[in-house]
Protein backbone atom coordinates (compact mmCIF):
# COMPACT_ATOMS: atom_id res chain seq x y z
CA MET A 1 -10.48 -19.47 4.95
CA GLY A 2 -7.72 -21.72 6.29
CA GLU A 3 -5.60 -21.33 3.16
CA PHE A 4 -5.74 -17.57 3.51
CA LEU A 5 -3.98 -17.78 7.03
CA ALA A 6 -1.58 -20.50 6.13
CA SER A 7 -0.37 -19.08 2.80
CA GLY A 8 1.46 -16.12 4.54
CA PHE A 9 4.18 -18.50 5.88
CA SER A 10 3.86 -21.49 3.54
CA PHE A 11 3.73 -19.58 0.25
CA ILE A 12 7.18 -20.97 -0.64
CA VAL A 13 6.16 -24.61 -0.12
CA HIS A 14 2.94 -24.74 -2.09
CA ARG A 15 4.41 -23.21 -5.29
CA SER A 16 3.92 -26.37 -7.31
CA LEU A 17 3.69 -29.88 -5.75
CA VAL A 18 3.05 -31.53 -9.14
CA SER A 19 6.15 -31.05 -11.25
CA ARG A 20 6.62 -34.49 -12.81
CA PRO A 21 4.75 -35.39 -16.02
CA SER A 22 1.77 -37.80 -15.52
CA SER A 23 1.47 -41.17 -16.88
CA LEU A 24 -0.47 -39.68 -19.73
CA ASP A 25 2.52 -37.49 -20.75
CA LEU A 26 4.89 -40.46 -20.43
CA HIS A 27 2.83 -42.51 -22.85
CA PHE A 28 2.77 -39.88 -25.51
CA SER A 29 5.51 -40.20 -28.19
CA THR A 30 5.91 -40.21 -31.93
CA HIS A 31 4.54 -43.81 -31.77
CA ASN A 32 1.10 -42.75 -30.53
CA LEU A 33 -0.46 -45.13 -28.03
CA ILE A 34 -3.61 -45.18 -30.04
CA ALA A 35 -4.54 -44.08 -33.54
CA ASN A 36 -5.76 -40.49 -33.96
CA HIS A 37 -9.03 -41.67 -35.50
CA HIS A 38 -9.82 -43.97 -32.59
CA ASN A 39 -11.80 -42.83 -29.62
CA LEU A 40 -9.78 -41.49 -26.74
CA ALA A 41 -9.68 -43.71 -23.61
CA PHE A 42 -10.41 -40.74 -21.37
CA ARG A 43 -13.71 -39.44 -19.94
CA THR A 44 -14.68 -36.38 -17.99
CA ARG A 45 -16.04 -37.20 -14.52
CA ALA A 46 -19.78 -36.90 -14.28
CA ASP A 47 -19.85 -35.98 -10.56
CA LEU A 48 -18.04 -32.71 -10.93
CA LEU A 49 -19.68 -29.33 -10.26
CA ALA A 50 -18.83 -26.37 -12.55
CA SER A 51 -19.82 -22.74 -12.84
CA ALA A 52 -18.68 -19.81 -14.94
CA VAL A 53 -16.82 -16.91 -13.23
CA TRP A 54 -16.01 -13.64 -14.87
CA ARG A 55 -12.42 -12.74 -15.24
CA ALA A 56 -10.61 -9.79 -17.04
CA GLU A 57 -9.12 -11.99 -19.78
CA SER A 58 -12.15 -14.26 -20.40
CA ASP A 59 -14.72 -16.36 -18.57
CA THR A 60 -13.20 -18.81 -16.29
CA TRP A 61 -14.87 -22.16 -15.26
CA VAL A 62 -14.53 -23.21 -11.65
CA VAL A 63 -14.80 -26.95 -11.24
CA SER A 64 -15.36 -28.48 -7.72
CA ASP A 65 -14.29 -32.05 -6.87
CA PRO A 66 -16.88 -33.47 -4.35
CA LEU A 67 -14.51 -36.25 -3.34
CA SER A 68 -11.21 -34.37 -2.56
CA LEU A 69 -13.10 -31.02 -1.86
CA GLU A 70 -10.73 -29.23 -4.16
CA HIS A 71 -11.50 -26.51 -6.61
CA TYR A 72 -9.84 -25.87 -9.96
CA GLU A 73 -10.03 -22.93 -12.33
CA LEU A 74 -10.14 -23.89 -15.95
CA THR A 75 -9.38 -21.72 -18.98
CA PRO A 76 -11.78 -21.73 -21.85
CA ALA A 77 -9.52 -24.11 -23.75
CA GLN A 78 -9.35 -26.63 -20.84
CA TRP A 79 -13.09 -26.35 -20.27
CA PHE A 80 -13.78 -26.99 -23.94
CA VAL A 81 -11.69 -30.13 -23.95
CA ALA A 82 -13.28 -31.27 -20.69
CA GLN A 83 -16.74 -30.83 -22.34
CA GLN A 84 -15.70 -32.77 -25.49
CA LEU A 85 -14.45 -35.69 -23.31
CA THR A 86 -17.87 -36.17 -21.74
CA ARG A 87 -18.68 -38.28 -24.92
CA PRO A 88 -16.66 -40.64 -27.02
CA THR A 89 -14.39 -38.68 -29.36
CA SER A 90 -11.13 -39.20 -31.26
CA LEU A 91 -8.10 -37.04 -31.34
CA ASP A 92 -8.87 -35.89 -34.88
CA GLU A 93 -12.42 -34.95 -33.99
CA LEU A 94 -11.13 -33.08 -30.89
CA ARG A 95 -8.62 -31.10 -33.02
CA ARG A 96 -11.32 -30.19 -35.62
CA ASP A 97 -13.81 -29.08 -33.00
CA TYR A 98 -11.11 -27.12 -31.16
CA ALA A 99 -10.14 -25.36 -34.36
CA LYS A 100 -13.78 -24.37 -35.06
CA ALA A 101 -14.36 -23.11 -31.57
CA PHE A 102 -11.07 -21.11 -31.37
CA ALA A 103 -10.62 -20.08 -35.01
CA PRO A 104 -8.33 -18.89 -36.41
CA HIS A 105 -5.91 -20.50 -33.86
CA ARG A 106 -4.55 -23.81 -35.18
CA VAL A 107 -3.87 -26.48 -32.57
CA GLU A 108 -1.23 -29.21 -32.71
CA LEU A 109 -1.50 -32.71 -31.30
CA ALA A 110 1.10 -31.94 -28.66
CA GLU A 111 -0.95 -29.04 -27.45
CA LEU A 112 -4.09 -31.12 -27.21
CA TRP A 113 -2.16 -33.84 -25.33
CA GLN A 114 -0.87 -31.22 -22.94
CA LEU A 115 -4.43 -29.96 -22.15
CA VAL A 116 -5.67 -33.48 -21.64
CA GLY A 117 -2.69 -34.32 -19.45
CA GLU A 118 -3.32 -31.23 -17.30
CA LEU A 119 -6.92 -32.29 -16.80
CA HIS A 120 -5.78 -35.83 -16.04
CA ARG A 121 -3.34 -34.63 -13.37
CA ARG A 122 -6.05 -32.71 -11.71
CA GLY A 123 -8.43 -35.59 -11.59
CA ILE A 124 -10.99 -33.99 -13.81
CA VAL A 125 -10.43 -36.46 -16.57
CA ILE A 126 -9.91 -40.20 -15.82
CA ALA A 127 -8.79 -43.08 -18.00
CA THR A 128 -11.30 -45.73 -18.96
CA GLY A 129 -8.60 -48.39 -19.46
CA LYS A 130 -6.76 -50.43 -16.88
CA GLY A 131 -4.24 -49.02 -14.48
CA GLN A 132 -6.27 -45.96 -13.53
CA ALA A 133 -6.43 -46.95 -9.83
CA GLU A 134 -2.66 -47.65 -9.63
CA ALA A 135 -1.94 -44.25 -11.28
CA PHE A 136 -4.10 -42.45 -8.70
CA ALA A 137 -2.44 -44.41 -5.83
CA THR A 138 1.03 -43.55 -7.13
CA ARG A 139 0.18 -39.83 -7.47
CA ARG A 140 -1.29 -39.78 -3.95
CA GLY A 141 1.86 -41.43 -2.60
CA GLU A 142 3.97 -38.84 -4.39
CA ARG A 143 1.97 -35.96 -2.89
CA ARG A 144 2.15 -37.45 0.60
CA ALA A 145 5.90 -37.88 0.26
CA ALA A 146 6.30 -34.32 -0.88
CA ASN A 147 4.18 -33.08 2.07
CA TRP A 148 6.41 -35.06 4.52
CA ARG A 149 9.55 -33.92 2.74
CA TRP A 150 8.73 -30.22 2.86
CA GLY A 151 6.45 -30.19 5.80
CA TRP A 152 9.12 -28.71 8.09
CA LEU A 153 8.83 -25.38 6.23
CA GLN A 154 5.23 -25.05 7.49
CA VAL A 155 6.12 -25.07 11.18
CA LEU A 156 5.06 -21.37 11.53
CA ALA A 157 1.58 -22.24 10.09
CA TRP A 158 0.69 -25.70 11.16
CA ARG A 159 -2.85 -26.66 10.12
CA LEU A 160 -4.46 -29.32 12.31
CA PRO A 161 -7.21 -31.63 10.88
CA GLY A 162 -10.62 -30.00 10.99
CA PHE A 163 -14.21 -31.05 11.00
CA ALA A 164 -17.46 -30.48 9.14
CA PRO A 165 -18.85 -27.27 10.78
CA GLN A 166 -22.26 -27.14 9.12
CA ARG A 167 -24.28 -27.84 12.35
CA LEU A 168 -22.28 -25.11 14.19
CA ILE A 169 -22.78 -22.64 11.43
CA ASP A 170 -26.51 -23.42 11.18
CA PHE A 171 -26.79 -22.91 14.95
CA LEU A 172 -24.99 -19.51 14.89
CA TYR A 173 -26.57 -18.17 11.72
CA PRO A 174 -30.07 -17.12 13.17
CA PHE A 175 -28.21 -14.99 15.86
CA VAL A 176 -26.15 -13.03 13.34
CA ARG A 177 -28.60 -12.88 10.53
CA PRO A 178 -30.01 -9.51 11.66
CA LEU A 179 -26.46 -8.11 11.34
CA LEU A 180 -26.30 -9.22 7.74
CA SER A 181 -29.42 -7.27 6.75
CA ARG A 182 -29.22 -3.78 5.29
CA LEU A 183 -30.10 -2.14 8.59
CA GLY A 184 -27.55 -4.25 10.43
CA LEU A 185 -24.80 -3.36 7.95
CA ALA A 186 -25.81 0.32 8.18
CA ILE A 187 -25.60 0.33 11.99
CA SER A 188 -22.14 -1.50 11.93
CA GLY A 189 -20.89 1.03 9.37
CA LEU A 190 -22.06 3.95 11.49
CA LEU A 191 -20.36 2.60 14.61
CA ILE A 192 -17.03 2.25 12.67
CA VAL A 193 -17.38 5.82 11.35
CA LEU A 194 -18.14 7.20 14.88
CA ALA A 195 -15.14 5.38 16.32
CA VAL A 196 -12.85 6.83 13.62
CA GLY A 197 -14.33 10.30 14.25
CA LEU A 198 -13.68 9.97 17.99
CA VAL A 199 -10.05 9.12 17.42
CA VAL A 200 -9.54 11.88 14.87
CA THR A 201 -11.29 14.69 16.70
CA ARG A 202 -9.58 13.90 20.06
CA PHE A 203 -6.27 12.59 18.83
CA ASP A 204 -4.15 14.48 21.32
CA GLU A 205 -6.17 13.34 24.28
CA PHE A 206 -6.20 9.86 22.72
CA CYS A 207 -2.47 9.72 22.59
CA GLU A 208 -2.07 10.98 26.13
CA ARG A 209 -4.24 8.08 27.49
CA LEU A 210 -2.21 5.47 25.75
CA PRO A 211 0.09 3.41 28.00
CA THR A 212 3.87 3.71 27.79
CA VAL A 213 6.12 1.37 25.85
CA SER A 214 7.34 -0.18 29.13
CA VAL A 215 3.82 -1.22 30.02
CA LEU A 216 3.31 -2.80 26.61
CA TRP A 217 6.31 -5.08 27.04
CA THR A 218 5.20 -6.49 30.44
CA PRO A 219 4.37 -10.16 30.60
CA GLY A 220 0.75 -9.50 31.66
CA PHE A 221 0.10 -7.31 28.58
CA MET A 222 1.74 -9.80 26.26
CA VAL A 223 -0.43 -12.62 27.52
CA ALA A 224 -3.55 -10.52 27.13
CA ALA A 225 -2.43 -9.52 23.66
CA MET A 226 -1.94 -13.20 22.57
CA ALA A 227 -5.26 -14.16 23.97
CA THR A 228 -6.91 -11.22 22.19
CA ILE A 229 -5.41 -12.19 18.82
CA CYS A 230 -6.72 -15.73 19.18
CA VAL A 231 -10.26 -14.58 19.93
CA VAL A 232 -10.30 -11.85 17.28
CA LYS A 233 -8.95 -14.29 14.57
CA ALA A 234 -11.58 -16.84 15.52
CA LEU A 235 -14.35 -14.35 15.16
CA HIS A 236 -12.75 -13.26 11.88
CA GLU A 237 -12.97 -16.79 10.47
CA LEU A 238 -16.50 -17.26 11.77
CA GLY A 239 -17.41 -14.04 9.89
CA HIS A 240 -16.22 -15.61 6.62
CA ALA A 241 -18.21 -18.80 7.44
CA LEU A 242 -21.50 -16.98 8.34
CA VAL A 243 -21.49 -14.71 5.35
CA ALA A 244 -20.78 -17.71 3.08
CA ARG A 245 -23.72 -19.47 4.76
CA HIS A 246 -25.86 -16.35 4.17
CA LEU A 247 -24.98 -16.50 0.41
CA GLY A 248 -25.63 -20.19 0.03
CA VAL A 249 -22.05 -21.49 0.10
CA GLU A 250 -21.30 -24.57 2.19
CA VAL A 251 -18.36 -24.44 4.57
CA SER A 252 -16.54 -27.70 4.06
CA GLU A 253 -14.07 -27.58 6.93
CA LEU A 254 -13.36 -25.77 10.21
CA GLY A 255 -10.36 -26.43 12.34
CA VAL A 256 -7.39 -24.97 14.37
CA LEU A 257 -4.36 -23.37 12.88
CA LEU A 258 -1.13 -22.85 14.86
CA LEU A 259 -0.05 -19.49 13.52
CA CYS A 260 3.41 -18.58 14.92
CA GLY A 261 2.58 -20.88 17.87
CA MET A 262 -0.73 -19.17 18.62
CA PRO A 263 -3.94 -21.25 18.03
CA THR A 264 -6.65 -19.68 15.84
CA LEU A 265 -9.36 -20.93 13.67
CA TYR A 266 -9.43 -21.53 9.89
CA CYS A 267 -12.47 -22.29 7.76
CA ASP A 268 -12.50 -23.51 4.14
CA VAL A 269 -14.89 -21.42 2.05
CA SER A 270 -13.28 -22.09 -1.26
CA GLY A 271 -16.66 -23.00 -2.54
CA ALA A 272 -17.23 -19.24 -2.98
CA TRP A 273 -15.11 -19.50 -6.17
CA ARG A 274 -18.20 -21.01 -7.81
CA LEU A 275 -20.41 -18.02 -7.20
CA PRO A 276 -21.17 -16.36 -10.53
CA ARG A 277 -21.68 -12.86 -9.11
CA ARG A 278 -18.46 -11.00 -8.24
CA ARG A 279 -20.17 -9.01 -5.45
CA ASP A 280 -21.00 -12.11 -3.56
CA ARG A 281 -17.41 -13.32 -3.72
CA LEU A 282 -16.19 -9.91 -2.61
CA ALA A 283 -18.60 -10.03 0.38
CA ILE A 284 -17.28 -13.31 1.60
CA SER A 285 -13.66 -12.17 1.19
CA ALA A 286 -14.29 -8.87 3.01
CA ALA A 287 -16.39 -10.47 5.82
CA GLY A 288 -13.40 -11.12 8.17
CA ILE A 289 -12.21 -7.49 7.77
CA GLY A 290 -15.62 -6.15 8.49
CA VAL A 291 -15.91 -8.26 11.67
CA GLU A 292 -12.56 -6.98 13.00
CA LEU A 293 -13.31 -3.35 12.25
CA LEU A 294 -16.67 -3.72 14.06
CA LEU A 295 -14.92 -5.25 17.01
CA ALA A 296 -12.30 -2.45 16.96
CA ALA A 297 -15.04 0.20 16.96
CA ILE A 298 -16.84 -1.37 19.94
CA ALA A 299 -13.56 -1.75 21.78
CA CYS A 300 -12.68 1.91 21.13
CA PHE A 301 -15.85 3.12 22.96
CA VAL A 302 -15.22 0.74 25.81
CA TRP A 303 -11.61 1.82 26.21
CA TRP A 304 -12.59 5.51 26.18
CA THR A 305 -15.36 5.19 28.84
CA VAL A 306 -14.03 2.65 31.39
CA GLN A 307 -11.42 3.31 34.14
CA PRO A 308 -7.88 1.90 33.92
CA GLY A 309 -7.88 -1.78 34.60
CA ILE A 310 -8.10 -5.23 32.98
CA VAL A 311 -11.13 -4.24 30.96
CA GLN A 312 -9.41 -1.23 29.50
CA THR A 313 -6.30 -3.26 28.79
CA LEU A 314 -8.35 -5.89 26.92
CA ALA A 315 -10.28 -3.22 25.09
CA LEU A 316 -6.95 -1.61 23.98
CA CYS A 317 -5.65 -4.99 22.67
CA VAL A 318 -8.85 -5.60 20.66
CA MET A 319 -8.83 -2.04 19.31
CA SER A 320 -5.21 -2.22 18.22
CA PHE A 321 -5.09 -5.68 16.66
CA ALA A 322 -8.58 -5.52 15.08
CA SER A 323 -7.92 -2.18 13.46
CA LEU A 324 -4.19 -1.75 12.55
CA GLY A 325 -3.58 -5.50 12.49
CA THR A 326 -6.32 -6.27 9.97
CA LEU A 327 -5.48 -3.27 7.77
CA LEU A 328 -1.71 -4.10 7.61
CA VAL A 329 -2.12 -7.86 7.33
CA ASN A 330 -5.51 -9.08 6.30
CA GLY A 331 -6.52 -6.04 4.31
CA ASN A 332 -3.17 -5.59 2.64
CA PRO A 333 -3.30 -6.80 -0.97
CA LEU A 334 0.44 -7.45 -0.96
CA LEU A 335 -0.11 -10.42 1.29
CA ARG A 336 -2.08 -13.53 0.31
CA TYR A 337 -4.99 -12.87 2.71
CA ASP A 338 -8.34 -11.18 2.32
CA GLY A 339 -7.07 -8.05 0.62
CA TYR A 340 -5.29 -10.15 -1.96
CA TYR A 341 -8.48 -12.00 -2.94
CA LEU A 342 -10.42 -8.76 -3.01
CA LEU A 343 -7.86 -7.26 -5.45
CA SER A 344 -7.88 -10.44 -7.57
CA ASP A 345 -11.64 -10.35 -7.91
CA LEU A 346 -11.65 -6.58 -8.53
CA CYS A 347 -9.09 -6.81 -11.25
CA GLY A 348 -10.52 -10.02 -12.68
CA VAL A 349 -7.10 -11.83 -12.67
CA SER A 350 -7.09 -15.43 -11.54
CA ASN A 351 -4.06 -16.84 -9.79
CA LEU A 352 -2.77 -13.37 -9.18
CA TRP A 353 -0.11 -14.59 -6.79
CA GLU A 354 1.49 -17.13 -9.15
CA ARG A 355 1.06 -15.00 -12.26
CA SER A 356 2.68 -12.01 -10.57
CA ARG A 357 5.72 -14.09 -9.65
CA ASP A 358 5.87 -15.60 -13.16
CA ALA A 359 5.77 -12.04 -14.53
CA LEU A 360 8.54 -10.93 -12.12
CA ARG A 361 10.70 -13.82 -13.28
CA GLN A 362 9.94 -13.00 -16.95
CA TRP A 363 10.96 -9.38 -16.60
CA THR A 364 13.93 -9.96 -14.36
CA LEU A 365 15.27 -13.49 -15.26
CA GLY A 366 13.88 -13.94 -18.76
CA TRP A 367 17.33 -13.40 -20.28
CA LEU A 368 18.57 -16.62 -18.59
CA GLN A 369 16.38 -18.86 -20.73
CA GLU A 370 15.17 -18.98 -24.30
CA PRO A 371 11.41 -18.61 -24.90
CA PRO A 372 9.61 -21.87 -25.77
CA SER A 373 9.26 -22.64 -29.45
CA GLY A 374 6.38 -24.16 -31.41
CA THR A 375 2.74 -23.60 -30.97
CA ILE A 376 2.82 -23.68 -27.10
CA ARG A 377 4.26 -20.36 -26.13
CA GLN A 378 4.48 -18.79 -22.72
CA ARG A 379 2.19 -15.83 -22.22
CA ARG A 380 3.85 -12.48 -21.75
CA GLU A 381 2.51 -11.02 -18.54
CA SER A 382 1.76 -7.37 -18.04
CA PRO A 383 4.41 -5.15 -16.41
CA TRP A 384 2.03 -4.20 -13.55
CA LEU A 385 1.85 -7.83 -12.56
CA ALA A 386 5.68 -7.90 -12.31
CA LEU A 387 5.52 -4.69 -10.28
CA TYR A 388 2.93 -6.24 -7.93
CA GLY A 389 4.96 -9.34 -7.58
CA GLY A 390 8.02 -7.49 -6.58
CA ALA A 391 6.19 -5.24 -4.17
CA SER A 392 4.47 -8.19 -2.51
CA GLN A 393 7.68 -10.16 -2.18
CA LEU A 394 9.49 -7.19 -0.62
CA TYR A 395 6.68 -6.44 1.81
CA LEU A 396 6.45 -10.10 2.81
CA THR A 397 10.16 -10.16 3.48
CA LEU A 398 10.01 -7.01 5.59
CA LEU A 399 7.02 -8.36 7.55
CA LEU A 400 8.78 -11.72 8.31
CA GLY A 401 11.91 -9.79 9.29
CA SER A 402 9.84 -7.64 11.65
CA ILE A 403 8.26 -10.73 13.22
CA ALA A 404 11.79 -12.16 13.87
CA LEU A 405 12.94 -8.86 15.29
CA VAL A 406 9.96 -8.70 17.74
CA ALA A 407 10.59 -12.31 18.72
CA TRP A 408 14.22 -11.51 19.41
CA ARG A 409 13.31 -8.37 21.40
CA THR A 410 10.95 -10.51 23.46
CA LEU A 411 13.17 -13.46 24.01
CA ALA A 412 16.59 -11.90 24.32
CA PRO A 413 16.08 -10.30 27.73
CA ARG A 414 15.10 -13.74 29.07
CA ASP A 415 18.18 -15.49 27.60
CA LEU A 416 15.99 -17.27 24.94
CA ASP A 417 17.23 -15.48 21.92
CA VAL A 418 18.46 -18.75 20.46
CA LEU A 419 14.75 -19.51 19.74
CA ALA A 420 14.54 -16.25 17.70
CA TYR A 421 17.64 -17.15 15.77
CA ALA A 422 16.17 -20.60 15.07
CA ALA A 423 12.95 -18.97 13.69
CA ALA A 424 14.98 -16.58 11.55
CA ALA A 425 17.06 -19.49 10.17
CA LEU A 426 13.88 -21.38 9.39
CA LEU A 427 12.40 -18.42 7.41
CA ALA A 428 15.73 -17.90 5.59
CA SER A 429 15.80 -21.64 4.69
CA ALA A 430 12.22 -21.48 3.36
CA ALA A 431 13.26 -18.49 1.14
CA VAL A 432 16.24 -20.38 -0.21
CA VAL A 433 14.57 -23.73 -0.81
CA SER A 434 12.05 -22.49 -3.35
CA PRO A 435 14.51 -21.05 -5.98
CA VAL A 436 16.82 -24.09 -5.48
CA ARG A 437 13.89 -26.45 -6.19
CA ARG A 438 12.92 -24.56 -9.32
CA VAL A 439 16.53 -24.68 -10.60
CA THR A 440 16.76 -28.40 -9.85
CA GLN A 441 13.53 -29.04 -11.68
CA THR A 442 14.75 -26.96 -14.68
CA LEU A 443 18.02 -28.85 -14.86
CA ARG A 444 16.25 -32.22 -14.59
CA ASN A 445 14.02 -31.41 -17.52
CA PRO A 446 15.77 -32.03 -20.86
CA LEU A 447 13.52 -29.62 -22.82
CA ALA A 448 13.91 -26.82 -20.27
CA ARG A 449 17.66 -27.53 -20.05
CA ARG A 450 18.11 -26.91 -23.80
CA ARG A 451 16.67 -23.39 -23.49
CA VAL A 452 19.10 -22.31 -20.74
CA ARG A 453 21.51 -19.56 -21.70
CA TRP A 454 24.65 -20.91 -19.99
CA ILE A 455 26.86 -17.82 -20.09
CA PRO A 456 24.26 -15.45 -18.42
CA ALA A 457 23.42 -18.28 -16.06
CA GLY A 458 27.06 -18.75 -15.13
CA VAL A 459 27.53 -15.08 -14.46
CA SER A 460 24.35 -14.97 -12.31
CA LEU A 461 25.56 -17.97 -10.37
CA ALA A 462 28.90 -16.35 -9.65
CA ILE A 463 27.28 -13.13 -8.51
CA ALA A 464 24.85 -15.09 -6.22
CA THR A 465 27.78 -17.11 -4.80
CA ALA A 466 29.78 -13.94 -4.02
CA LEU A 467 26.85 -12.37 -2.23
CA LEU A 468 26.23 -15.56 -0.24
CA ALA A 469 29.93 -15.67 0.72
CA ALA A 470 29.79 -11.97 1.74
CA VAL A 471 26.75 -12.62 3.90
CA TRP A 472 28.38 -15.71 5.46
CA GLN A 473 31.54 -13.73 6.36
CA TRP A 474 29.50 -10.97 7.94
CA PRO A 475 30.34 -10.90 11.64
CA ILE A 476 27.47 -11.66 13.93
CA ARG A 477 27.88 -9.87 17.22
CA HIS A 478 26.50 -11.46 20.32
CA ARG A 479 26.84 -10.09 23.82
CA VAL A 480 26.11 -11.81 27.12
CA ASP A 481 25.95 -9.83 30.38
CA CYS A 482 27.38 -11.73 33.31
CA PRO A 483 29.73 -11.07 36.37
CA ALA A 484 33.40 -11.52 35.64
CA ARG A 485 36.75 -11.45 37.75
CA VAL A 486 40.05 -10.43 36.22
CA GLU A 487 43.23 -11.65 37.86
CA LEU A 488 46.90 -10.87 37.07
CA ALA A 489 49.03 -13.72 35.75
CA ARG A 490 51.99 -12.89 38.12
CA SER A 491 50.62 -10.95 40.99
CA GLU A 492 51.96 -10.29 44.49
CA GLU A 493 49.89 -9.27 47.52
CA VAL A 494 50.83 -6.13 49.44
CA VAL A 495 50.13 -6.63 53.16
CA ALA A 496 50.33 -3.85 55.81
CA THR A 497 51.51 -5.40 59.16
CA LEU A 498 50.59 -2.32 61.18
CA ALA A 499 47.26 -0.67 61.81
CA GLY A 500 46.72 2.83 60.32
CA ARG A 501 45.01 4.85 57.67
CA ILE A 502 45.83 5.23 53.88
CA VAL A 503 46.33 8.81 52.94
CA TRP A 504 47.46 8.33 49.31
CA THR A 505 47.41 5.62 46.63
CA ALA A 506 48.37 5.27 43.01
CA GLN A 507 45.67 5.96 40.44
CA PRO A 508 43.68 2.85 39.23
CA GLN A 509 44.87 1.27 35.92
CA ALA A 510 48.16 3.33 36.25
CA ASN A 511 51.44 1.75 35.10
CA VAL A 512 53.92 1.49 38.03
CA ALA A 513 57.53 0.37 38.00
CA THR A 514 59.09 -2.07 40.29
CA GLY A 515 59.92 -0.62 43.72
CA ALA A 516 57.67 2.43 43.13
CA THR A 517 55.42 3.63 45.96
CA ILE A 518 51.84 2.51 45.39
CA ALA A 519 50.28 3.71 48.71
CA GLN A 520 51.06 5.62 51.92
CA LEU A 521 49.93 4.29 55.33
CA VAL A 522 49.82 6.62 58.37
CA SER A 523 49.87 5.04 61.87
CA ASP A 524 49.58 7.19 65.06
CA SER A 525 51.38 4.68 67.26
CA VAL A 526 54.25 4.41 64.85
CA ALA A 527 54.41 8.20 64.62
CA PHE A 528 54.57 8.45 68.40
CA ASP A 529 57.30 5.86 68.68
CA LEU A 530 59.28 7.57 65.90
CA GLN A 531 59.00 10.94 67.71
CA LYS A 532 60.12 9.40 70.97
CA ALA A 533 63.05 7.74 69.31
CA ALA A 534 64.02 11.05 67.65
CA SER A 535 63.97 12.93 71.04
CA GLU A 536 66.11 10.19 72.64
CA LEU A 537 68.53 10.35 69.69
CA ALA A 538 68.83 14.14 70.06
CA LEU A 539 69.51 13.86 73.79
CA ALA A 540 72.23 11.24 73.19
CA GLU A 541 73.85 13.39 70.52
CA LEU A 542 73.87 16.36 72.99
CA LYS A 543 75.48 14.18 75.64
CA VAL A 544 78.20 13.12 73.20
CA GLN A 545 78.97 16.74 72.38
CA GLN A 546 79.39 17.58 76.05
CA LEU A 547 81.70 14.67 76.57
CA GLU A 548 83.83 15.76 73.52
CA GLN A 549 84.24 19.14 75.19
CA LEU A 550 85.24 17.65 78.58
CA ARG A 551 87.53 15.04 77.07
CA PRO A 552 90.82 16.97 77.30
CA HIS A 553 90.20 17.93 80.91
CA ASP A 554 88.47 14.88 82.39
CA ILE A 555 89.88 11.36 82.20
CA GLU A 556 86.41 9.81 82.81
CA ALA A 557 85.03 11.85 79.95
CA ALA A 558 87.79 10.73 77.66
CA ALA A 559 87.12 7.06 78.61
């Protein structure tokens, strides 16, 4: 299920790689390339595999291409046209047969050409005339160029080339087949229930035995956590592959996916779309979640019984990521992982991700563009699809923001926060590129450009520009802790030339005037010399007073 893992970070890129009209659309004009009563030069490929799948609106046909290993869902109208093109038929005959099959709906030539063109773009219908190989080569070159042009947006989910894993799956299947029996599933479910009961009944003791947050942020625990995620996700993907093998679905590819820099497995079980029974498709989609919950239950009992150490640490990692991680990410229907495909099959809505976003645009931005006119009208989606699209988009934004925050908290103490900023900038760029591409494609299409309501579009553009300017002007605070030394511009050193002790100083950071006392130094030797000098001065003054008294009577005293 490689596309399940990769779509969480590349959902913006794979919105629509084929936006240009095909050569079939370019050849259609008022001067028809061929007469309506002549046979069409298009035939449905005979090597395709097709099966009917139940959906809420109507039965959907899933067509598998054995050459490209791609699968396409066809509406009843597209499947009818594909069936009619298995034999020679003209455009008039195709329109009459279509009107009989879908009465009382009347179909126009433009609508028929659009259906044939869509089948031609997908490679289900090929042209019998000249130039078919050149058209396929041109289309393949355009897809490769688009992949190279927008491949930088998939750096967080880089999918490496895989291999055919049928031999590996056949080797592992006999070992896990007992677990897929009713008894094995019952025992696995019982273990999960007992583990949940242990946590619920002894929740206080369970919380007391958990390590502190400081222990969780240590490098050793982080390395153990990343290794645990890689192993758990690998077993998750093998669970999808083995259940698919049990139900008769061939796994076409198995490889390595670098998810946020961590290697994990991916497997392509898109062949499950062709299963007619819905419960079989649900079993394959839920296999990964079941494997992780079983691992979490086993790890819970191991963590509860062993003594503190490396085994208990690894058990805690498995228990945490295989329980909370799979429920919040893989089992969450708001993300395009296992829970999403379970919800899509339960509701019977095909292409739930694309249709929910189309419904969100219809209910929020429909006033920016006039509805299409003529016989080909856009389907008005249900309000609950718009609600689901908004909720999934909001949850995905919060999840990616949380990942960026955790990366910053991890890298910032090690002075590597610039890497976290780069990852956040990459995610923001991916979010901006998708709407810009859609607007560009709309403006390049003359028919779509005519339906634009320019006054509401101008107001929306002004509001969006103001919001972007406000975000750009928002100050980004950044702090770096480092030793610093502050020096005065015009400073003078105060040096004591005598030894002594300081008994008083001015307060730090106090303002002092020029000539003010900033410190008092006491020296014992200076105090002794000062006292001696004062005694000698007093003795000399006494002698002078005596001589003053003897001055009138003694000539020597007067001298």
